């Protein structure tokens, strides 16, 4: 598993567009989102699969697969819910 490269992020560009529209998130570099001044979400790749590391609570990142459209929708919903509760 490695950090996502531009070609990996190209495959999930519609997800990135949705994340850019979420209030409370700032994209510091392509695919790396911050909440306030703290890293909140970034992406990894493993073969054709993509994964998001998200800091929903505390200091630890949680890894979730974001390869399929359903997985991407679930991520957006979880991110919005997390930000609404903070």
PDB file of N, CA and C in Angstrom:
ATOM      1  N   UNK A   1       0.856  -1.169   0.000  1.00  0.00           N
ATOM      2  CA  UNK A   1       0.000   0.000   0.000  1.00  0.00           C
ATOM      3  C   UNK A   1       0.903   1.232   0.000  1.00  0.00           C
ATOM      4  N   UNK A   2       0.519   2.198  -0.820  1.00  0.00           N
ATOM      5  CA  UNK A   2       1.299   3.430  -0.946  1.00  0.00           C
ATOM      6  C   UNK A   2       0.349   4.621  -0.972  1.00  0.00           C
ATOM      7  N   UNK A   3       0.905   5.791  -0.734  1.00  0.00           N
ATOM      8  CA  UNK A   3       0.095   7.005  -0.865  1.00  0.00           C
ATOM      9  C   UNK A   3      -0.374   7.118  -2.314  1.00  0.00           C
ATOM     10  N   UNK A   4      -1.590   7.599  -2.483  1.00  0.00           N
ATOM     11  CA  UNK A   4      -2.176   7.721  -3.816  1.00  0.00           C
ATOM     12  C   UNK A   4      -1.400   8.744  -4.645  1.00  0.00           C
ATOM     13  N   UNK A   5      -1.180   8.375  -5.888  1.00  0.00           N
ATOM     14  CA  UNK A   5      -0.528   9.261  -6.851  1.00  0.00           C
ATOM     15  C   UNK A   5      -1.616   9.925  -7.695  1.00  0.00           C
ATOM     16  N   UNK A   6      -1.200  10.863  -8.548  1.00  0.00           N
ATOM     17  CA  UNK A   6      -2.172  11.575  -9.380  1.00  0.00           C
ATOM     18  C   UNK A   6      -3.034  10.621 -10.198  1.00  0.00           C
ATOM     19  N   UNK A   7      -2.449   9.580 -10.773  1.00  0.00           N
ATOM     20  CA  UNK A   7      -3.239   8.659 -11.594  1.00  0.00           C
ATOM     21  C   UNK A   7      -4.265   7.883 -10.750  1.00  0.00           C
ATOM     22  N   UNK A   8      -3.941   7.632  -9.475  1.00  0.00           N
ATOM     23  CA  UNK A   8      -4.906   6.999  -8.564  1.00  0.00           C
ATOM     24  C   UNK A   8      -6.043   7.964  -8.252  1.00  0.00           C
ATOM     25  N   UNK A   9      -5.679   9.207  -7.992  1.00  0.00           N
ATOM     26  CA  UNK A   9      -6.683  10.227  -7.660  1.00  0.00           C
ATOM     27  C   UNK A   9      -7.566  10.547  -8.868  1.00  0.00           C
ATOM     28  N   UNK A  10      -7.018  10.416 -10.071  1.00  0.00           N
ATOM     29  CA  UNK A  10      -7.827  10.628 -11.277  1.00  0.00           C
ATOM     30  C   UNK A  10      -9.022   9.680 -11.299  1.00  0.00           C
ATOM     31  N   UNK A  11      -8.834   8.452 -10.827  1.00  0.00           N
ATOM     32  CA  UNK A  11      -9.908   7.450 -10.841  1.00  0.00           C
ATOM     33  C   UNK A  11     -11.036   7.799  -9.869  1.00  0.00           C
ATOM     34  N   UNK A  12     -10.727   8.594  -8.844  1.00  0.00           N
ATOM     35  CA  UNK A  12     -11.750   8.950  -7.851  1.00  0.00           C
ATOM     36  C   UNK A  12     -12.048  10.453  -7.863  1.00  0.00           C
ATOM     37  N   UNK A  13     -11.805  11.099  -8.973  1.00  0.00           N
ATOM     38  CA  UNK A  13     -12.022  12.548  -9.061  1.00  0.00           C
ATOM     39  C   UNK A  13     -13.444  12.958  -8.679  1.00  0.00           C
ATOM     40  N   UNK A  14     -14.489  12.218  -9.090  1.00  0.00           N
ATOM     41  CA  UNK A  14     -15.842  12.623  -8.646  1.00  0.00           C
ATOM     42  C   UNK A  14     -15.979  12.628  -7.118  1.00  0.00           C
ATOM     43  N   UNK A  15     -15.319  11.709  -6.438  1.00  0.00           N
ATOM     44  CA  UNK A  15     -15.323  11.695  -4.970  1.00  0.00           C
ATOM     45  C   UNK A  15     -14.603  12.928  -4.432  1.00  0.00           C
ATOM     46  N   UNK A  16     -13.493  13.277  -5.031  1.00  0.00           N
ATOM     47  CA  UNK A  16     -12.748  14.466  -4.592  1.00  0.00           C
ATOM     48  C   UNK A  16     -13.601  15.726  -4.761  1.00  0.00           C
ATOM     49  N   UNK A  17     -14.338  15.799  -5.853  1.00  0.00           N
ATOM     50  CA  UNK A  17     -15.223  16.948  -6.087  1.00  0.00           C
ATOM     51  C   UNK A  17     -16.256  17.050  -4.966  1.00  0.00           C
ATOM     52  N   UNK A  18     -16.831  15.917  -4.588  1.00  0.00           N
ATOM     53  CA  UNK A  18     -17.821  15.926  -3.499  1.00  0.00           C
ATOM     54  C   UNK A  18     -17.187  16.341  -2.179  1.00  0.00           C
ATOM     55  N   UNK A  19     -15.982  15.846  -1.903  1.00  0.00           N
ATOM     56  CA  UNK A  19     -15.305  16.209  -0.656  1.00  0.00           C
ATOM     57  C   UNK A  19     -14.974  17.696  -0.622  1.00  0.00           C
ATOM     58  N   UNK A  20     -14.601  18.256  -1.752  1.00  0.00           N
ATOM     59  CA  UNK A  20     -14.299  19.689  -1.821  1.00  0.00           C
ATOM     60  C   UNK A  20     -15.511  20.542  -1.469  1.00  0.00           C
ATOM     61  N   UNK A  21     -16.709  20.003  -1.671  1.00  0.00           N
ATOM     62  CA  UNK A  21     -17.946  20.750  -1.409  1.00  0.00           C
ATOM     63  C   UNK A  21     -18.418  20.617   0.039  1.00  0.00           C
ATOM     64  N   UNK A  22     -17.761  19.787   0.831  1.00  0.00           N
ATOM     65  CA  UNK A  22     -18.174  19.576   2.221  1.00  0.00           C
ATOM     66  C   UNK A  22     -17.696  20.745   3.074  1.00  0.00           C
ATOM     67  N   UNK A  23     -18.635  21.428   3.732  1.00  0.00           N
ATOM     68  CA  UNK A  23     -18.280  22.531   4.631  1.00  0.00           C
ATOM     69  C   UNK A  23     -17.405  22.018   5.757  1.00  0.00           C
ATOM     70  N   UNK A  24     -16.341  22.746   6.040  1.00  0.00           N
ATOM     71  CA  UNK A  24     -15.451  22.382   7.134  1.00  0.00           C
ATOM     72  C   UNK A  24     -14.185  21.682   6.684  1.00  0.00           C
ATOM     73  N   UNK A  25     -14.119  21.290   5.400  1.00  0.00           N
ATOM     74  CA  UNK A  25     -12.913  20.642   4.880  1.00  0.00           C
ATOM     75  C   UNK A  25     -12.185  21.584   3.934  1.00  0.00           C
ATOM     76  N   UNK A  26     -10.862  21.532   3.983  1.00  0.00           N
ATOM     77  CA  UNK A  26     -10.010  22.288   3.079  1.00  0.00           C
ATOM     78  C   UNK A  26      -9.029  21.322   2.452  1.00  0.00           C
ATOM     79  N   UNK A  27      -8.899  21.383   1.143  1.00  0.00           N
ATOM     80  CA  UNK A  27      -7.944  20.524   0.441  1.00  0.00           C
ATOM     81  C   UNK A  27      -6.609  21.255   0.361  1.00  0.00           C
ATOM     82  N   UNK A  28      -5.631  20.798   1.146  1.00  0.00           N
ATOM     83  CA  UNK A  28      -4.319  21.460   1.195  1.00  0.00           C
ATOM     84  C   UNK A  28      -3.480  21.101  -0.023  1.00  0.00           C
ATOM     85  N   UNK A  29      -3.535  19.844  -0.431  1.00  0.00           N
ATOM     86  CA  UNK A  29      -2.939  19.387  -1.685  1.00  0.00           C
ATOM     87  C   UNK A  29      -3.905  18.361  -2.241  1.00  0.00           C
ATOM     88  N   UNK A  30      -3.779  18.040  -3.508  1.00  0.00           N
ATOM     89  CA  UNK A  30      -4.779  17.177  -4.127  1.00  0.00           C
ATOM     90  C   UNK A  30      -4.960  15.873  -3.349  1.00  0.00           C
ATOM     91  N   UNK A  31      -6.184  15.654  -2.879  1.00  0.00           N
ATOM     92  CA  UNK A  31      -6.513  14.427  -2.164  1.00  0.00           C
ATOM     93  C   UNK A  31      -6.184  14.440  -0.685  1.00  0.00           C
ATOM     94  N   UNK A  32      -5.669  15.537  -0.174  1.00  0.00           N
ATOM     95  CA  UNK A  32      -5.335  15.653   1.258  1.00  0.00           C
ATOM     96  C   UNK A  32      -6.195  16.754   1.867  1.00  0.00           C
ATOM     97  N   UNK A  33      -7.135  16.345   2.701  1.00  0.00           N
ATOM     98  CA  UNK A  33      -8.103  17.272   3.278  1.00  0.00           C
ATOM     99  C   UNK A  33      -7.831  17.509   4.750  1.00  0.00           C
ATOM    100  N   UNK A  34      -8.016  18.759   5.143  1.00  0.00           N
ATOM    101  CA  UNK A  34      -7.796  19.171   6.526  1.00  0.00           C
ATOM    102  C   UNK A  34      -9.096  19.688   7.104  1.00  0.00           C
ATOM    103  N   UNK A  35      -9.209  19.531   8.401  1.00  0.00           N
ATOM    104  CA  UNK A  35     -10.290  20.157   9.164  1.00  0.00           C
ATOM    105  C   UNK A  35      -9.600  21.123  10.106  1.00  0.00           C
ATOM    106  N   UNK A  36      -9.901  22.362   9.937  1.00  0.00           N
ATOM    107  CA  UNK A  36      -9.152  23.439  10.599  1.00  0.00           C
ATOM    108  C   UNK A  36      -7.688  23.290  10.192  1.00  0.00           C
ATOM    109  N   UNK A  37      -6.770  23.149  11.131  1.00  0.00           N
ATOM    110  CA  UNK A  37      -5.354  23.027  10.775  1.00  0.00           C
ATOM    111  C   UNK A  37      -4.846  21.592  10.916  1.00  0.00           C
ATOM    112  N   UNK A  38      -5.769  20.650  11.052  1.00  0.00           N
ATOM    113  CA  UNK A  38      -5.379  19.263  11.322  1.00  0.00           C
ATOM    114  C   UNK A  38      -5.757  18.346  10.151  1.00  0.00           C
ATOM    115  N   UNK A  39      -4.810  17.466   9.789  1.00  0.00           N
ATOM    116  CA  UNK A  39      -5.074  16.496   8.723  1.00  0.00           C
ATOM    117  C   UNK A  39      -6.306  15.677   9.097  1.00  0.00           C
ATOM    118  N   UNK A  40      -7.210  15.505   8.120  1.00  0.00           N
ATOM    119  CA  UNK A  40      -8.451  14.793   8.372  1.00  0.00           C
ATOM    120  C   UNK A  40      -8.618  13.578   7.464  1.00  0.00           C
ATOM    121  N   UNK A  41      -8.205  13.684   6.196  1.00  0.00           N
ATOM    122  CA  UNK A  41      -8.452  12.612   5.239  1.00  0.00           C
ATOM    123  C   UNK A  41      -7.408  12.653   4.134  1.00  0.00           C
ATOM    124  N   UNK A  42      -6.900  11.479   3.769  1.00  0.00           N
ATOM    125  CA  UNK A  42      -6.007  11.356   2.618  1.00  0.00           C
ATOM    126  C   UNK A  42      -6.175   9.956   2.035  1.00  0.00           C
ATOM    127  N   UNK A  43      -5.571   9.717   0.888  1.00  0.00           N
ATOM    128  CA  UNK A  43      -5.821   8.484   0.158  1.00  0.00           C
ATOM    129  C   UNK A  43      -4.563   7.644  -0.042  1.00  0.00           C
ATOM    130  N   UNK A  44      -4.797   6.338  -0.132  1.00  0.00           N
ATOM    131  CA  UNK A  44      -3.766   5.353  -0.442  1.00  0.00           C
ATOM    132  C   UNK A  44      -4.260   4.518  -1.613  1.00  0.00           C
ATOM    133  N   UNK A  45      -3.336   3.801  -2.240  1.00  0.00           N
ATOM    134  CA  UNK A  45      -3.694   2.902  -3.336  1.00  0.00           C
ATOM    135  C   UNK A  45      -2.987   1.576  -3.142  1.00  0.00           C
ATOM    136  N   UNK A  46      -3.683   0.538  -3.571  1.00  0.00           N
ATOM    137  CA  UNK A  46      -3.131  -0.816  -3.560  1.00  0.00           C
ATOM    138  C   UNK A  46      -3.660  -1.496  -4.816  1.00  0.00           C
ATOM    139  N   UNK A  47      -2.823  -1.553  -5.838  1.00  0.00           N
ATOM    140  CA  UNK A  47      -3.292  -2.057  -7.123  1.00  0.00           C
ATOM    141  C   UNK A  47      -4.348  -1.121  -7.678  1.00  0.00           C
ATOM    142  N   UNK A  48      -5.499  -1.690  -8.056  1.00  0.00           N
ATOM    143  CA  UNK A  48      -6.595  -0.886  -8.605  1.00  0.00           C
ATOM    144  C   UNK A  48      -7.522  -0.347  -7.518  1.00  0.00           C
ATOM    145  N   UNK A  49      -7.260  -0.678  -6.271  1.00  0.00           N
ATOM    146  CA  UNK A  49      -8.119  -0.248  -5.172  1.00  0.00           C
ATOM    147  C   UNK A  49      -7.603   1.038  -4.532  1.00  0.00           C
ATOM    148  N   UNK A  50      -8.541   1.874  -4.102  1.00  0.00           N
ATOM    149  CA  UNK A  50      -8.186   3.078  -3.351  1.00  0.00           C
ATOM    150  C   UNK A  50      -8.786   2.982  -1.959  1.00  0.00           C
ATOM    151  N   UNK A  51      -8.096   3.621  -1.032  1.00  0.00           N
ATOM    152  CA  UNK A  51      -8.504   3.619   0.374  1.00  0.00           C
ATOM    153  C   UNK A  51      -8.362   5.030   0.914  1.00  0.00           C
ATOM    154  N   UNK A  52      -9.274   5.401   1.792  1.00  0.00           N
ATOM    155  CA  UNK A  52      -9.185   6.690   2.477  1.00  0.00           C
ATOM    156  C   UNK A  52      -8.797   6.437   3.921  1.00  0.00           C
ATOM    157  N   UNK A  53      -7.856   7.198   4.399  1.00  0.00           N
ATOM    158  CA  UNK A  53      -7.550   7.238   5.825  1.00  0.00           C
ATOM    159  C   UNK A  53      -8.242   8.483   6.367  1.00  0.00           C
ATOM    160  N   UNK A  54      -9.156   8.277   7.305  1.00  0.00           N
ATOM    161  CA  UNK A  54      -9.960   9.378   7.830  1.00  0.00           C
ATOM    162  C   UNK A  54      -9.827   9.420   9.341  1.00  0.00           C
ATOM    163  N   UNK A  55      -9.677  10.611   9.867  1.00  0.00           N
ATOM    164  CA  UNK A  55      -9.596  10.803  11.313  1.00  0.00           C
ATOM    165  C   UNK A  55     -10.972  11.239  11.809  1.00  0.00           C
ATOM    166  N   UNK A  56     -11.857  10.246  12.016  1.00  0.00           N
ATOM    167  CA  UNK A  56     -13.208  10.554  12.473  1.00  0.00           C
ATOM    168  C   UNK A  56     -13.200  11.045  13.913  1.00  0.00           C
ATOM    169  N   UNK A  57     -12.449  10.352  14.779  1.00  0.00           N
ATOM    170  CA  UNK A  57     -12.374  10.714  16.197  1.00  0.00           C
ATOM    171  C   UNK A  57     -10.938  10.530  16.675  1.00  0.00           C
ATOM    172  N   UNK A  58     -10.538  11.336  17.609  1.00  0.00           N
ATOM    173  CA  UNK A  58      -9.234  11.163  18.240  1.00  0.00           C
ATOM    174  C   UNK A  58      -8.068  11.379  17.292  1.00  0.00           C
ATOM    175  N   UNK A  59      -6.968  10.692  17.599  1.00  0.00           N
ATOM    176  CA  UNK A  59      -5.727  10.888  16.855  1.00  0.00           C
ATOM    177  C   UNK A  59      -5.470   9.847  15.778  1.00  0.00           C
ATOM    178  N   UNK A  60      -6.222   8.770  15.791  1.00  0.00           N
ATOM    179  CA  UNK A  60      -5.962   7.666  14.871  1.00  0.00           C
ATOM    180  C   UNK A  60      -6.776   7.787  13.589  1.00  0.00           C
ATOM    181  N   UNK A  61      -6.139   7.447  12.482  1.00  0.00           N
ATOM    182  CA  UNK A  61      -6.839   7.382  11.207  1.00  0.00           C
ATOM    183  C   UNK A  61      -7.501   6.011  11.073  1.00  0.00           C
ATOM    184  N   UNK A  62      -8.681   6.001  10.476  1.00  0.00           N
ATOM    185  CA  UNK A  62      -9.378   4.761  10.147  1.00  0.00           C
ATOM    186  C   UNK A  62      -9.304   4.585   8.635  1.00  0.00           C
ATOM    187  N   UNK A  63      -8.933   3.402   8.188  1.00  0.00           N
ATOM    188  CA  UNK A  63      -8.831   3.142   6.752  1.00  0.00           C
ATOM    189  C   UNK A  63     -10.128   2.517   6.251  1.00  0.00           C
ATOM    190  N   UNK A  64     -10.630   3.069   5.141  1.00  0.00           N
ATOM    191  CA  UNK A  64     -11.837   2.541   4.523  1.00  0.00           C
ATOM    192  C   UNK A  64     -11.634   2.479   3.008  1.00  0.00           C
ATOM    193  N   UNK A  65     -12.117   1.413   2.412  1.00  0.00           N
ATOM    194  CA  UNK A  65     -11.964   1.245   0.970  1.00  0.00           C
ATOM    195  C   UNK A  65     -12.900   2.205   0.244  1.00  0.00           C
ATOM    196  N   UNK A  66     -12.411   2.802  -0.849  1.00  0.00           N
ATOM    197  CA  UNK A  66     -13.191   3.781  -1.602  1.00  0.00           C
ATOM    198  C   UNK A  66     -13.124   3.506  -3.102  1.00  0.00           C
ATOM    199  N   UNK A  67     -13.072   2.245  -3.463  1.00  0.00           N
ATOM    200  CA  UNK A  67     -12.925   1.877  -4.865  1.00  0.00           C
ATOM    201  C   UNK A  67     -14.237   1.993  -5.630  1.00  0.00           C
ATOM    202  N   UNK A  68     -15.323   1.505  -5.048  1.00  0.00           N
ATOM    203  CA  UNK A  68     -16.608   1.492  -5.759  1.00  0.00           C
ATOM    204  C   UNK A  68     -17.412   2.755  -5.460  1.00  0.00           C
ATOM    205  N   UNK A  69     -18.405   2.996  -6.302  1.00  0.00           N
ATOM    206  CA  UNK A  69     -19.286   4.146  -6.088  1.00  0.00           C
ATOM    207  C   UNK A  69     -20.022   4.026  -4.749  1.00  0.00           C
ATOM    208  N   UNK A  70     -20.449   2.816  -4.399  1.00  0.00           N
ATOM    209  CA  UNK A  70     -21.143   2.611  -3.118  1.00  0.00           C
ATOM    210  C   UNK A  70     -20.222   2.923  -1.947  1.00  0.00           C
ATOM    211  N   UNK A  71     -18.969   2.511  -2.030  1.00  0.00           N
ATOM    212  CA  UNK A  71     -17.997   2.797  -0.966  1.00  0.00           C
ATOM    213  C   UNK A  71     -17.743   4.303  -0.873  1.00  0.00           C
ATOM    214  N   UNK A  72     -17.723   4.960  -2.008  1.00  0.00           N
ATOM    215  CA  UNK A  72     -17.507   6.405  -2.022  1.00  0.00           C
ATOM    216  C   UNK A  72     -18.695   7.146  -1.420  1.00  0.00           C
ATOM    217  N   UNK A  73     -19.910   6.697  -1.734  1.00  0.00           N
ATOM    218  CA  UNK A  73     -21.101   7.310  -1.130  1.00  0.00           C
ATOM    219  C   UNK A  73     -21.100   7.123   0.381  1.00  0.00           C
ATOM    220  N   UNK A  74     -20.696   5.931   0.822  1.00  0.00           N
ATOM    221  CA  UNK A  74     -20.639   5.656   2.261  1.00  0.00           C
ATOM    222  C   UNK A  74     -19.610   6.558   2.941  1.00  0.00           C
ATOM    223  N   UNK A  75     -18.482   6.794   2.290  1.00  0.00           N
ATOM    224  CA  UNK A  75     -17.459   7.675   2.856  1.00  0.00           C
ATOM    225  C   UNK A  75     -17.998   9.094   2.997  1.00  0.00           C
ATOM    226  N   UNK A  76     -18.626   9.611   1.948  1.00  0.00           N
ATOM    227  CA  UNK A  76     -19.173  10.974   2.001  1.00  0.00           C
ATOM    228  C   UNK A  76     -20.169  11.093   3.148  1.00  0.00           C
ATOM    229  N   UNK A  77     -21.041  10.112   3.284  1.00  0.00           N
ATOM    230  CA  UNK A  77     -22.041  10.152   4.363  1.00  0.00           C
ATOM    231  C   UNK A  77     -21.365  10.129   5.728  1.00  0.00           C
ATOM    232  N   UNK A  78     -20.352   9.295   5.897  1.00  0.00           N
ATOM    233  CA  UNK A  78     -19.645   9.197   7.182  1.00  0.00           C
ATOM    234  C   UNK A  78     -18.887  10.486   7.492  1.00  0.00           C
ATOM    235  N   UNK A  79     -18.282  11.086   6.487  1.00  0.00           N
ATOM    236  CA  UNK A  79     -17.559  12.348   6.687  1.00  0.00           C
ATOM    237  C   UNK A  79     -18.536  13.441   7.105  1.00  0.00           C
ATOM    238  N   UNK A  80     -19.640  13.546   6.396  1.00  0.00           N
ATOM    239  CA  UNK A  80     -20.637  14.583   6.751  1.00  0.00           C
ATOM    240  C   UNK A  80     -21.170  14.370   8.161  1.00  0.00           C
ATOM    241  N   UNK A  81     -21.465  13.139   8.499  1.00  0.00           N
ATOM    242  CA  UNK A  81     -21.975  12.836   9.851  1.00  0.00           C
ATOM    243  C   UNK A  81     -20.923  13.196  10.895  1.00  0.00           C
ATOM    244  N   UNK A  82     -19.685  12.859  10.637  1.00  0.00           N
ATOM    245  CA  UNK A  82     -18.606  13.164  11.580  1.00  0.00           C
ATOM    246  C   UNK A  82     -18.455  14.663  11.794  1.00  0.00           C
ATOM    247  N   UNK A  83     -18.527  15.424  10.727  1.00  0.00           N
ATOM    248  CA  UNK A  83     -18.371  16.876  10.842  1.00  0.00           C
ATOM    249  C   UNK A  83     -19.586  17.529  11.483  1.00  0.00           C
ATOM    250  N   UNK A  84     -20.759  16.938  11.282  1.00  0.00           N
ATOM    251  CA  UNK A  84     -21.959  17.483  11.910  1.00  0.00           C
ATOM    252  C   UNK A  84     -21.933  17.300  13.429  1.00  0.00           C
ATOM    253  N   UNK A  85     -21.291  16.233  13.895  1.00  0.00           N
ATOM    254  CA  UNK A  85     -21.258  15.920  15.316  1.00  0.00           C
ATOM    255  C   UNK A  85     -20.110  16.594  16.049  1.00  0.00           C
ATOM    256  N   UNK A  86     -19.188  17.203  15.295  1.00  0.00           N
ATOM    257  CA  UNK A  86     -18.040  17.801  15.990  1.00  0.00           C
ATOM    258  C   UNK A  86     -18.254  19.249  16.327  1.00  0.00           C
TER     259      UNK A  86
END
